[in-house]
Protein backbone atom coordinates (compact mmCIF):
# COMPACT_ATOMS: atom_id res chain seq x y z
CA MET A 1 22.19 5.72 94.38
CA ILE A 2 23.20 9.54 93.62
CA ILE A 3 26.26 9.93 91.39
CA LEU A 4 28.05 12.99 91.34
CA TRP A 5 29.40 12.95 87.34
CA ASN A 6 32.55 13.97 86.57
CA ASN A 7 35.56 13.06 83.98
CA ARG A 8 37.15 10.62 86.09
CA ILE A 9 34.15 8.44 86.84
CA PRO A 10 34.81 6.26 84.12
CA PHE A 11 37.71 4.80 85.01
CA ALA A 12 36.15 4.75 88.83
CA VAL A 13 33.17 2.40 87.09
CA ALA A 14 36.28 -0.42 85.66
CA LEU A 15 37.40 -0.55 89.07
CA LEU A 16 33.80 -0.47 90.71
CA LEU A 17 33.46 -3.81 87.93
CA LEU A 18 36.55 -5.57 89.97
CA SER A 19 34.66 -5.42 93.31
CA SER A 20 31.95 -7.25 93.90
CA CYS A 21 28.07 -6.24 95.20
CA ALA A 22 27.71 -3.62 97.92
CA VAL A 23 25.77 -5.11 100.81
CA GLY A 24 22.85 -3.49 102.66
CA PRO A 25 19.77 -2.03 101.16
CA ASP A 26 19.51 -0.07 97.90
CA TYR A 27 17.77 3.21 98.26
CA GLU A 28 13.78 3.35 97.83
CA ARG A 29 11.84 6.19 98.39
CA PRO A 30 9.56 5.97 101.65
CA GLU A 31 5.96 5.34 100.67
CA VAL A 32 4.29 8.61 101.51
CA LEU A 33 1.30 9.10 99.20
CA LYS A 34 0.03 5.97 99.76
CA TYR A 35 -0.62 5.96 103.32
CA SER A 36 -1.53 9.49 103.59
CA GLY A 37 -4.70 9.33 101.83
CA MET A 38 -3.38 12.02 99.43
CA LYS A 39 -4.67 11.78 95.59
CA ASP A 40 -3.72 13.42 92.69
CA ASP A 41 -7.10 15.45 92.78
CA SER A 42 -6.48 16.36 96.61
CA PHE A 43 -5.65 20.38 95.08
CA GLN A 44 -8.23 21.20 93.60
CA VAL A 45 -10.03 24.18 94.24
CA LYS A 46 -12.32 26.96 92.86
CA LEU A 47 -12.00 30.25 93.77
CA THR A 48 -14.27 32.92 94.18
CA LEU A 49 -15.06 34.83 91.40
CA VAL A 50 -14.18 38.84 92.11
CA ASP A 51 -14.42 40.39 88.66
CA SER A 52 -17.94 40.52 88.69
CA LEU A 53 -18.27 43.85 90.32
CA PRO A 54 -19.94 46.99 88.70
CA GLU A 55 -16.66 48.46 88.65
CA PRO A 56 -12.98 47.26 88.24
CA ILE A 57 -11.01 47.83 91.29
CA ALA A 58 -7.42 47.45 91.85
CA LEU A 59 -5.73 43.97 92.34
CA GLY A 60 -9.11 42.51 92.29
CA GLU A 61 -8.79 40.40 89.35
CA THR A 62 -10.34 37.00 89.10
CA GLN A 63 -7.54 34.22 89.56
CA LYS A 64 -7.75 30.51 87.97
CA PHE A 65 -5.28 27.81 88.31
CA VAL A 66 -3.21 26.14 85.85
CA ARG A 67 -1.82 22.92 85.73
CA ASN A 68 1.43 24.12 85.16
CA SER A 69 5.17 24.64 86.88
CA VAL A 70 5.95 27.62 88.55
CA GLN A 71 8.09 29.81 86.51
CA VAL A 72 11.52 30.36 87.63
CA GLU A 73 11.53 33.51 87.57
CA TRP A 74 8.27 33.51 89.18
CA TRP A 75 8.40 37.38 90.88
CA LYS A 76 8.21 38.85 87.64
CA SER A 77 4.34 37.38 87.65
CA PHE A 78 3.71 40.92 89.63
CA GLU A 79 5.04 42.89 86.87
CA SER A 80 6.94 45.20 88.79
CA GLU A 81 10.07 46.39 88.02
CA LYS A 82 11.51 48.00 91.48
CA LEU A 83 10.72 44.56 92.85
CA ASN A 84 12.17 42.66 89.72
CA GLN A 85 15.75 44.88 90.52
CA LEU A 86 15.38 44.46 94.24
CA VAL A 87 15.12 40.24 94.06
CA GLU A 88 18.17 40.19 91.59
CA GLN A 89 20.23 42.73 94.13
CA ALA A 90 19.22 40.31 96.73
CA LEU A 91 20.24 37.39 94.57
CA LYS A 92 23.78 38.60 94.32
CA SER A 93 24.41 40.23 97.65
CA SER A 94 22.76 38.43 100.56
CA PRO A 95 24.85 36.45 102.99
CA THR A 96 22.47 34.30 103.58
CA LEU A 97 22.73 32.71 100.43
CA GLN A 98 26.38 33.22 100.06
CA ALA A 99 26.80 31.04 103.30
CA ALA A 100 24.26 28.53 101.83
CA GLU A 101 26.64 28.46 98.51
CA ALA A 102 29.91 28.22 100.72
CA LYS A 103 27.77 24.90 102.41
CA LEU A 104 27.01 23.55 99.21
CA GLU A 105 30.80 23.91 97.75
CA GLN A 106 32.00 22.33 101.10
CA ALA A 107 29.94 19.07 100.64
CA LYS A 108 30.92 19.04 96.86
CA GLN A 109 34.75 19.17 98.25
CA THR A 110 34.59 16.76 100.74
CA TYR A 111 32.56 14.04 98.30
CA GLU A 112 35.54 14.82 96.03
CA ALA A 113 38.19 14.09 98.40
CA GLN A 114 36.90 11.29 99.81
CA ALA A 115 36.16 10.02 95.77
CA GLY A 116 39.57 10.68 95.03
CA SER A 117 41.07 8.31 98.34
CA SER A 118 38.49 5.11 97.43
CA LEU A 119 37.94 5.08 94.16
CA TYR A 120 41.49 4.92 92.90
CA PRO A 121 45.16 3.59 94.06
CA GLN A 122 47.18 5.54 96.38
CA VAL A 123 50.43 5.80 94.65
CA SER A 124 53.02 7.90 96.31
CA LEU A 125 56.98 8.60 95.71
CA ASP A 126 59.42 7.93 98.09
CA ALA A 127 63.13 9.29 98.19
CA GLY A 128 65.66 9.21 100.87
CA GLY A 129 69.00 8.38 102.07
CA SER A 130 70.55 7.34 105.24
CA ARG A 131 73.92 6.90 106.74
CA GLN A 132 74.58 4.25 109.59
CA ARG A 133 76.95 1.61 111.11
CA ILE A 134 76.35 -1.87 111.73
CA ASN A 135 78.25 -4.82 113.15
CA LYS A 136 78.89 -7.76 111.59
CA ALA A 137 78.81 -10.10 114.34
CA ALA A 138 74.81 -9.70 114.64
CA PHE A 139 75.39 -11.76 111.32
CA GLY A 140 77.56 -14.30 112.92
CA LEU A 141 80.54 -12.68 111.08
CA THR A 142 83.72 -11.33 112.60
CA ASN A 143 83.66 -9.17 115.30
CA ASP A 144 83.62 -5.69 112.85
CA SER A 145 81.84 -2.88 111.84
CA SER A 146 81.24 -1.20 108.52
CA THR A 147 79.81 2.23 108.08
CA TYR A 148 77.87 3.15 104.54
CA THR A 149 75.24 5.64 102.87
CA LEU A 150 71.97 3.86 101.63
CA TYR A 151 70.19 5.57 98.77
CA ASN A 152 66.57 4.51 97.88
CA ALA A 153 64.15 5.86 95.22
CA GLY A 154 60.64 4.36 94.69
CA LEU A 155 56.69 4.14 93.92
CA ASN A 156 54.05 2.63 96.55
CA LEU A 157 50.47 1.71 95.42
CA GLY A 158 47.87 1.03 97.84
CA TYR A 159 44.32 -0.03 97.04
CA ASN A 160 41.15 -1.21 98.82
CA PHE A 161 39.21 -3.75 96.71
CA ASP A 162 35.70 -2.62 98.56
CA LEU A 163 34.56 -6.48 98.05
CA PHE A 164 31.38 -5.19 99.99
CA GLY A 165 31.03 -1.63 98.94
CA SER A 166 31.52 0.10 102.31
CA ASN A 167 33.56 2.33 100.68
CA ARG A 168 30.75 3.16 97.76
CA ARG A 169 27.91 3.38 100.14
CA LEU A 170 29.96 6.13 102.24
CA LEU A 171 30.39 7.67 98.96
CA GLU A 172 26.51 7.33 98.60
CA SER A 173 26.17 9.03 101.87
CA LEU A 174 28.21 11.62 101.09
CA ALA A 175 26.66 12.43 97.54
CA ALA A 176 23.32 12.43 99.31
CA GLU A 177 24.57 15.00 101.80
CA THR A 178 25.80 17.02 98.78
CA GLU A 179 22.49 16.89 97.20
CA TYR A 180 20.91 18.05 100.84
CA GLN A 181 23.27 20.98 100.80
CA ARG A 182 21.96 21.62 96.86
CA TYR A 183 18.24 21.84 98.26
CA GLN A 184 19.04 23.71 101.58
CA PHE A 185 20.68 26.49 98.81
CA GLU A 186 17.89 26.22 96.75
CA ALA A 187 15.48 26.71 99.69
CA ALA A 188 17.20 28.95 101.29
CA ARG A 189 16.98 31.01 97.99
CA LEU A 190 13.35 30.71 97.31
CA SER A 191 12.96 31.69 100.88
CA LEU A 192 14.72 35.26 100.73
CA ILE A 193 12.60 35.99 97.46
CA ALA A 194 9.38 35.17 98.60
CA ASN A 195 10.27 37.49 102.55
CA MET A 196 11.40 40.07 99.90
CA VAL A 197 8.53 40.02 97.87
CA SER A 198 5.80 39.60 100.73
CA ALA A 199 8.26 42.85 102.49
CA ALA A 200 7.51 44.76 99.66
CA MET A 201 3.84 44.10 99.25
CA VAL A 202 3.79 44.66 103.07
CA GLN A 203 5.59 48.07 103.18
CA ALA A 204 3.30 49.10 100.43
CA GLN A 205 0.12 48.51 102.13
CA LEU A 206 1.72 50.45 105.23
CA SER A 207 2.68 53.19 103.39
CA GLU A 208 -0.92 53.44 101.94
CA GLN A 209 -2.59 52.94 105.24
CA LEU A 210 -0.61 55.62 106.86
CA THR A 211 -1.86 58.05 103.73
CA ALA A 212 -5.50 56.83 104.87
CA ASN A 213 -5.07 57.52 108.43
CA GLN A 214 -3.47 60.54 108.04
CA LYS A 215 -6.42 61.63 106.21
CA ILE A 216 -8.67 60.36 108.87
CA LEU A 217 -6.85 62.31 111.46
CA GLN A 218 -6.94 65.36 109.57
CA VAL A 219 -10.86 64.98 109.32
CA LEU A 220 -11.13 64.35 112.94
CA GLU A 221 -8.86 67.33 114.15
CA GLU A 222 -11.22 69.31 111.81
CA GLN A 223 -14.45 67.96 113.32
CA LEU A 224 -12.69 68.95 116.99
CA GLU A 225 -12.04 72.51 115.77
CA MET A 226 -15.70 72.82 114.41
CA THR A 227 -17.31 71.07 117.79
CA LYS A 228 -14.94 73.73 119.79
CA GLN A 229 -16.37 76.84 117.69
CA ARG A 230 -19.80 75.60 118.34
CA PHE A 231 -18.81 75.46 121.93
CA ALA A 232 -17.60 78.74 121.94
CA LEU A 233 -20.92 79.95 120.81
CA GLY A 234 -23.50 77.59 123.34
CA ALA A 235 -24.17 75.07 120.58
CA ALA A 236 -22.34 72.03 122.00
CA GLY A 237 -20.94 71.15 125.10
CA GLN A 238 -17.99 70.82 126.99
CA SER A 239 -18.49 66.64 127.01
CA ASP A 240 -18.65 66.92 123.22
CA VAL A 241 -15.44 68.70 122.80
CA SER A 242 -13.94 66.12 125.39
CA VAL A 243 -15.17 63.19 123.53
CA LEU A 244 -13.72 64.26 120.08
CA GLU A 245 -10.03 65.25 122.12
CA ASN A 246 -10.14 61.93 123.39
CA SER A 247 -10.89 60.04 119.84
CA VAL A 248 -8.54 62.66 118.06
CA GLU A 249 -5.33 61.96 120.08
CA GLN A 250 -6.18 58.20 120.25
CA PHE A 251 -6.38 58.04 116.53
CA ARG A 252 -3.03 60.14 116.71
CA ALA A 253 -1.70 57.70 119.03
CA ASN A 254 -1.84 54.59 115.74
CA ILE A 255 0.31 57.18 113.50
CA PRO A 256 3.83 56.51 115.01
CA GLN A 257 2.76 52.60 115.09
CA LEU A 258 2.17 52.71 111.60
CA GLN A 259 5.05 54.65 110.79
CA SER A 260 7.35 52.45 113.12
CA GLY A 261 5.82 49.00 110.81
CA LEU A 262 7.23 50.87 107.54
CA ALA A 263 10.48 51.76 109.03
CA LYS A 264 10.89 47.94 110.05
CA GLN A 265 9.84 46.82 106.84
CA GLN A 266 12.37 49.59 104.84
CA HIS A 267 15.25 47.55 107.24
CA VAL A 268 13.99 44.31 106.69
CA LEU A 269 14.12 45.11 102.48
CA ALA A 270 17.65 46.18 102.96
CA LEU A 271 18.88 43.00 105.47
CA LEU A 272 17.65 41.12 102.69
CA ILE A 273 19.52 42.52 100.15
CA GLY A 274 22.51 42.35 102.43
CA GLN A 275 22.54 46.48 103.00
CA VAL A 276 22.35 48.30 106.06
CA PRO A 277 19.00 49.74 107.75
CA ASN A 278 18.51 52.82 106.27
CA SER A 279 19.89 51.96 103.05
CA HIS A 280 19.25 54.76 100.12
CA GLN A 281 18.98 51.17 97.82
CA VAL A 282 15.83 50.53 98.94
CA PRO A 283 13.05 51.54 97.25
CA SER A 284 9.54 52.81 98.56
CA PHE A 285 6.55 50.73 97.23
CA ILE A 286 2.67 51.49 96.49
CA LEU A 287 -0.16 48.89 95.36
CA ALA A 288 0.00 50.36 92.08
CA ASP A 289 3.50 49.21 91.70
CA PHE A 290 2.18 45.35 91.44
CA THR A 291 -0.31 43.55 89.42
CA LEU A 292 -2.04 40.67 90.42
CA PRO A 293 -1.34 37.36 88.55
CA GLN A 294 -4.41 35.64 87.09
CA GLU A 295 -2.87 32.59 86.29
CA LEU A 296 -1.87 30.52 89.13
CA PRO A 297 0.36 27.29 88.71
CA MET A 298 -1.11 24.15 90.68
CA LEU A 299 0.95 20.60 90.87
CA ILE A 300 -0.31 17.30 91.88
CA PRO A 301 0.67 15.96 95.08
CA SER A 302 2.96 13.46 93.37
CA GLU A 303 5.04 16.22 91.51
CA LEU A 304 5.17 18.44 94.56
CA LEU A 305 7.97 15.78 96.29
CA GLU A 306 9.65 16.72 92.53
CA GLN A 307 9.62 20.21 93.00
CA ARG A 308 9.81 21.64 96.51
CA PRO A 309 13.46 21.90 98.07
CA ASP A 310 12.24 21.13 101.41
CA ILE A 311 11.04 17.51 100.54
CA LEU A 312 14.11 16.89 98.40
CA ALA A 313 16.21 17.96 101.25
CA SER A 314 14.56 15.60 103.49
CA GLU A 315 14.92 12.88 101.04
CA ALA A 316 18.16 13.34 100.72
CA LEU A 317 18.85 12.78 104.09
CA VAL A 318 16.76 9.72 103.76
CA GLN A 319 18.97 8.39 101.04
CA SER A 320 22.66 9.36 103.30
CA ALA A 321 20.68 7.45 106.47
CA ASN A 322 20.35 4.74 104.20
CA ALA A 323 23.65 4.37 102.53
CA LYS A 324 24.97 4.77 106.51
CA TYR A 325 23.33 1.60 107.37
CA GLY A 326 24.70 -0.27 104.51
CA MET A 327 28.01 0.86 105.23
CA SER A 328 27.35 -0.30 108.63
CA VAL A 329 26.53 -3.73 107.38
CA SER A 330 29.56 -3.89 105.12
CA ARG A 331 31.86 -3.82 108.02
CA MET A 332 30.90 -7.09 109.22
CA TYR A 333 32.11 -8.36 105.92
CA PRO A 334 35.83 -9.22 104.49
CA GLN A 335 37.72 -6.06 103.48
CA LEU A 336 40.58 -6.97 100.62
CA ASN A 337 44.01 -4.17 100.61
CA LEU A 338 46.36 -4.77 98.40
CA SER A 339 49.74 -3.04 98.45
CA ALA A 340 52.96 -2.91 96.10
CA ASN A 341 56.10 -1.26 95.72
CA VAL A 342 59.09 -0.78 93.23
CA GLY A 343 62.12 1.06 93.59
CA SER A 344 65.83 1.15 93.55
CA GLN A 345 68.63 1.13 96.56
CA ALA A 346 72.09 1.84 95.89
CA LEU A 347 75.42 3.07 97.57
CA THR A 348 75.70 6.27 95.45
CA THR A 349 72.73 8.66 94.08
CA ALA A 350 74.84 7.66 90.75
CA GLY A 351 74.14 4.09 91.34
CA LEU A 352 70.16 4.50 91.53
CA PHE A 353 68.16 2.83 89.01
CA GLY A 354 70.84 0.76 88.00
CA ALA A 355 70.25 -2.74 86.61
CA GLN A 356 71.32 -4.69 89.84
CA THR A 357 69.46 -2.08 92.38
CA LEU A 358 66.03 -3.21 91.49
CA VAL A 359 63.67 -4.34 94.64
CA TRP A 360 60.27 -4.77 94.68
CA GLY A 361 57.15 -5.99 97.32
CA LEU A 362 53.52 -7.51 96.35
CA ALA A 363 51.38 -7.70 99.37
CA GLY A 364 48.03 -8.96 99.71
CA GLN A 365 45.58 -8.77 103.13
CA LEU A 366 42.24 -10.24 103.58
CA THR A 367 40.53 -9.16 106.96
CA GLN A 368 37.33 -11.22 108.57
CA PRO A 369 36.09 -9.65 111.54
CA LEU A 370 35.63 -12.74 113.30
CA PHE A 371 34.20 -11.72 116.88
CA ASN A 372 33.08 -7.84 117.26
CA ALA A 373 30.29 -7.22 119.82
CA GLY A 374 30.07 -3.48 118.57
CA LEU A 375 29.32 -3.89 114.70
CA PRO A 376 25.81 -5.58 115.14
CA ALA A 377 24.97 -2.86 117.56
CA GLU A 378 26.46 -0.60 115.25
CA SER A 379 24.57 -1.60 112.19
CA ARG A 380 20.90 -1.63 114.39
CA ALA A 381 22.04 2.07 115.59
CA ALA A 382 22.34 2.80 111.91
CA LYS A 383 19.15 1.21 110.98
CA ALA A 384 17.57 3.18 113.73
CA GLY A 385 18.73 6.45 112.52
CA TYR A 386 17.38 5.47 108.66
CA GLU A 387 13.75 5.06 110.09
CA ALA A 388 13.99 8.23 112.69
CA VAL A 389 15.04 10.17 109.28
CA ALA A 390 12.50 8.62 106.65
CA ALA A 391 9.42 9.53 109.49
CA ASN A 392 11.24 13.02 108.94
CA TYR A 393 11.07 12.72 105.60
CA ARG A 394 6.97 11.62 105.88
CA GLN A 395 6.57 14.24 108.29
CA THR A 396 7.66 17.28 105.90
CA VAL A 397 5.84 16.07 103.36
CA LEU A 398 2.46 15.98 105.10
CA GLN A 399 3.65 19.64 106.35
CA ALA A 400 3.94 20.63 102.85
CA PHE A 401 0.74 19.44 101.93
CA GLN A 402 -0.66 21.13 104.87
CA GLY A 403 1.04 24.34 103.38
CA VAL A 404 -0.34 24.17 100.29
CA ALA A 405 -3.96 23.34 101.28
CA ASP A 406 -3.66 26.55 103.98
CA VAL A 407 -3.06 28.73 101.01
CA LEU A 408 -5.01 27.45 98.67
CA SER A 409 -8.29 28.16 101.26
CA ALA A 410 -6.66 31.53 102.15
CA LEU A 411 -6.84 32.36 98.32
CA ASP A 412 -10.33 31.47 98.27
CA TYR A 413 -11.22 33.86 101.50
CA ASP A 414 -9.46 36.43 100.20
CA ALA A 415 -11.36 36.76 97.22
CA GLN A 416 -14.48 36.78 99.32
CA SER A 417 -12.90 39.36 101.64
CA LEU A 418 -12.04 41.65 98.49
CA ASN A 419 -15.56 41.20 97.49
CA ALA A 420 -17.23 42.17 100.57
CA GLN A 421 -14.62 45.15 100.97
CA VAL A 422 -15.16 46.02 97.22
CA LYS A 423 -18.55 46.47 97.86
CA ALA A 424 -18.35 48.17 101.30
CA MET A 425 -15.73 50.64 99.38
CA GLN A 426 -18.32 51.24 96.75
CA ALA A 427 -20.93 52.23 99.55
CA ALA A 428 -18.51 54.64 101.12
CA GLU A 429 -17.74 56.32 98.10
CA GLN A 430 -21.62 56.94 96.82
CA THR A 431 -22.41 57.61 100.98
CA THR A 432 -19.57 60.51 100.80
CA LYS A 433 -21.06 61.54 97.07
CA LEU A 434 -24.22 61.94 97.91
CA VAL A 435 -24.17 63.60 101.72
CA GLN A 436 -21.45 66.28 99.85
CA GLN A 437 -24.48 67.11 97.29
CA GLU A 438 -27.10 67.38 100.38
CA HIS A 439 -24.58 69.75 101.73
CA GLU A 440 -24.28 71.74 99.08
CA ALA A 441 -28.45 71.77 98.84
CA GLY A 442 -28.30 72.63 102.33
CA ALA A 443 -29.69 69.58 103.78
CA ALA A 444 -26.99 68.30 105.67
CA SER A 445 -24.29 69.85 107.83
CA TYR A 446 -20.47 69.75 107.00
CA ALA A 447 -20.42 67.72 110.59
CA GLN A 448 -21.68 64.94 108.18
CA VAL A 449 -19.67 65.54 105.58
CA LEU A 450 -16.77 64.90 107.95
CA ALA A 451 -18.29 61.68 109.26
CA SER A 452 -18.79 60.32 105.82
CA LYS A 453 -14.94 61.05 104.62
CA GLN A 454 -13.94 59.79 107.90
CA GLU A 455 -16.03 56.61 107.63
CA LEU A 456 -14.87 56.27 103.61
CA GLU A 457 -11.31 56.54 104.69
CA GLN A 458 -11.38 53.64 107.44
CA THR A 459 -13.38 51.54 104.85
CA ARG A 460 -10.13 52.19 102.36
CA VAL A 461 -7.99 50.92 104.97
CA ALA A 462 -9.64 47.69 105.02
CA LEU A 463 -10.04 47.45 101.72
CA ILE A 464 -5.90 48.03 101.50
CA ALA A 465 -5.33 45.04 103.73
CA ALA A 466 -7.79 42.95 101.82
CA GLN A 467 -5.88 44.00 98.45
CA THR A 468 -2.39 42.99 99.91
CA ARG A 469 -3.56 39.72 101.77
CA ARG A 470 -4.25 38.20 98.14
CA MET A 471 -1.05 39.19 96.87
CA VAL A 472 0.96 37.84 100.01
CA ASP A 473 -1.00 34.74 99.76
CA THR A 474 -0.23 34.52 95.62
CA THR A 475 3.28 34.73 96.79
CA ALA A 476 2.69 32.52 99.38
CA LEU A 477 1.21 29.82 96.98
CA TYR A 478 4.72 29.99 94.57
CA GLN A 479 6.54 29.56 97.48
CA ALA A 480 4.36 26.37 98.44
CA MET A 481 4.31 25.02 95.00
CA GLY A 482 8.13 25.12 94.86
CA GLY A 483 9.08 28.66 93.55
CA GLY A 484 9.83 27.21 90.25
CA THR A 485 13.25 25.92 91.36
CA PHE A 486 13.61 22.82 89.26
CA SER A 487 11.54 21.71 86.15
CA VAL A 488 8.51 19.92 86.99
CA VAL A 489 6.00 19.99 83.85
CA ALA A 490 2.94 18.87 85.02
CA SER A 491 0.97 16.18 82.23
CA GLU A 492 -2.70 16.45 81.45
């Protein structure tokens, strides 16, 4: 059972000792690993080596898994000061986080309010005065009347002894819902950071791809101009010019799409830090701003249950539903209420609290439902609600395992893809160099030089995409591992 500790708990414990046990089932975590077939070695994978290339390439280092928890500030492993500053700004000013934090505070105060009204006696002060006229005939006396003023002041006390734990189950449910909001806040924080990091990387990708595509367009325009000159000399046909014009304009149409994508990423970053689009506070990124982490965290499935905020949030809902089921069961058992009052009544305010003005009362009430056909149905409904939430928890865990497996596979395929793209880039650079040398020696035309440059830049575009995928999927791994939300230390 979750207990939100505060300085009033010791007194609450003393009161609970006066009560009996709480009926209904105590919470036990639903079995997931046992029935899912997952084992602690299910996530083992070996990444493809990429640092065995003839020449090192940016963001091409070999990555390896280390049995350890995710660092709390995991985004700093990309070693980008601009990114670090942007994340810090987002954590301070994001409306999404502010809303999640407000919901958490609301849940805390709801718990405190219920705890204050159920764990402790309710004490109130009454004070008042009344003036009235009575007829003594009502008491069998002479037919006469009397007018007087009566003043009173006193304390009233009430307490429910919660013999079978209805109040405690309610508090258990509210505590679990508070934990749910806490994990929701952590999930929102993790998602915000991961989206921020990925958006910065995609912005860098589009910026560099835009530069490469502009170079390709420049090469195509130069080829077109050369072909027009050859056509004027009768060395090329009109169809040659038309084909190149079509290629130039088709490629030119790609440039605005890249510019639009770049602008959208700028707007996304502005939104994530709580700013308006086109905010000057959003920096521009290039791939050189990032360093690829070489050591990646790896948690076993049983540790993942304690690390991912979405799993923990789902489990908190199971705890809440279990407590609500116990609360519905407790309603079929007796309820004991105690009330007491002590005070003073006098005909004048000066006479209050005198020796002969004391009044008091003490009452206890035990209530046992004898026939209420709705209570068993209410209990069955609560049990069905618990089973539904428990099934959702198992589904959440399985989806989390799937997410981890997907990103592990993606990282290995990213390494393989980068290997191929790097080799293609090296081949394109070598080809461009050789064609340039042949052109200088008179063995190749300038058109061939332009064609090799075009191929080089197109290969560069693909390489930029491969480099970015590795970084984005590395970010996805940090997120899939829970993002360092909690301190779960892996044991050897």
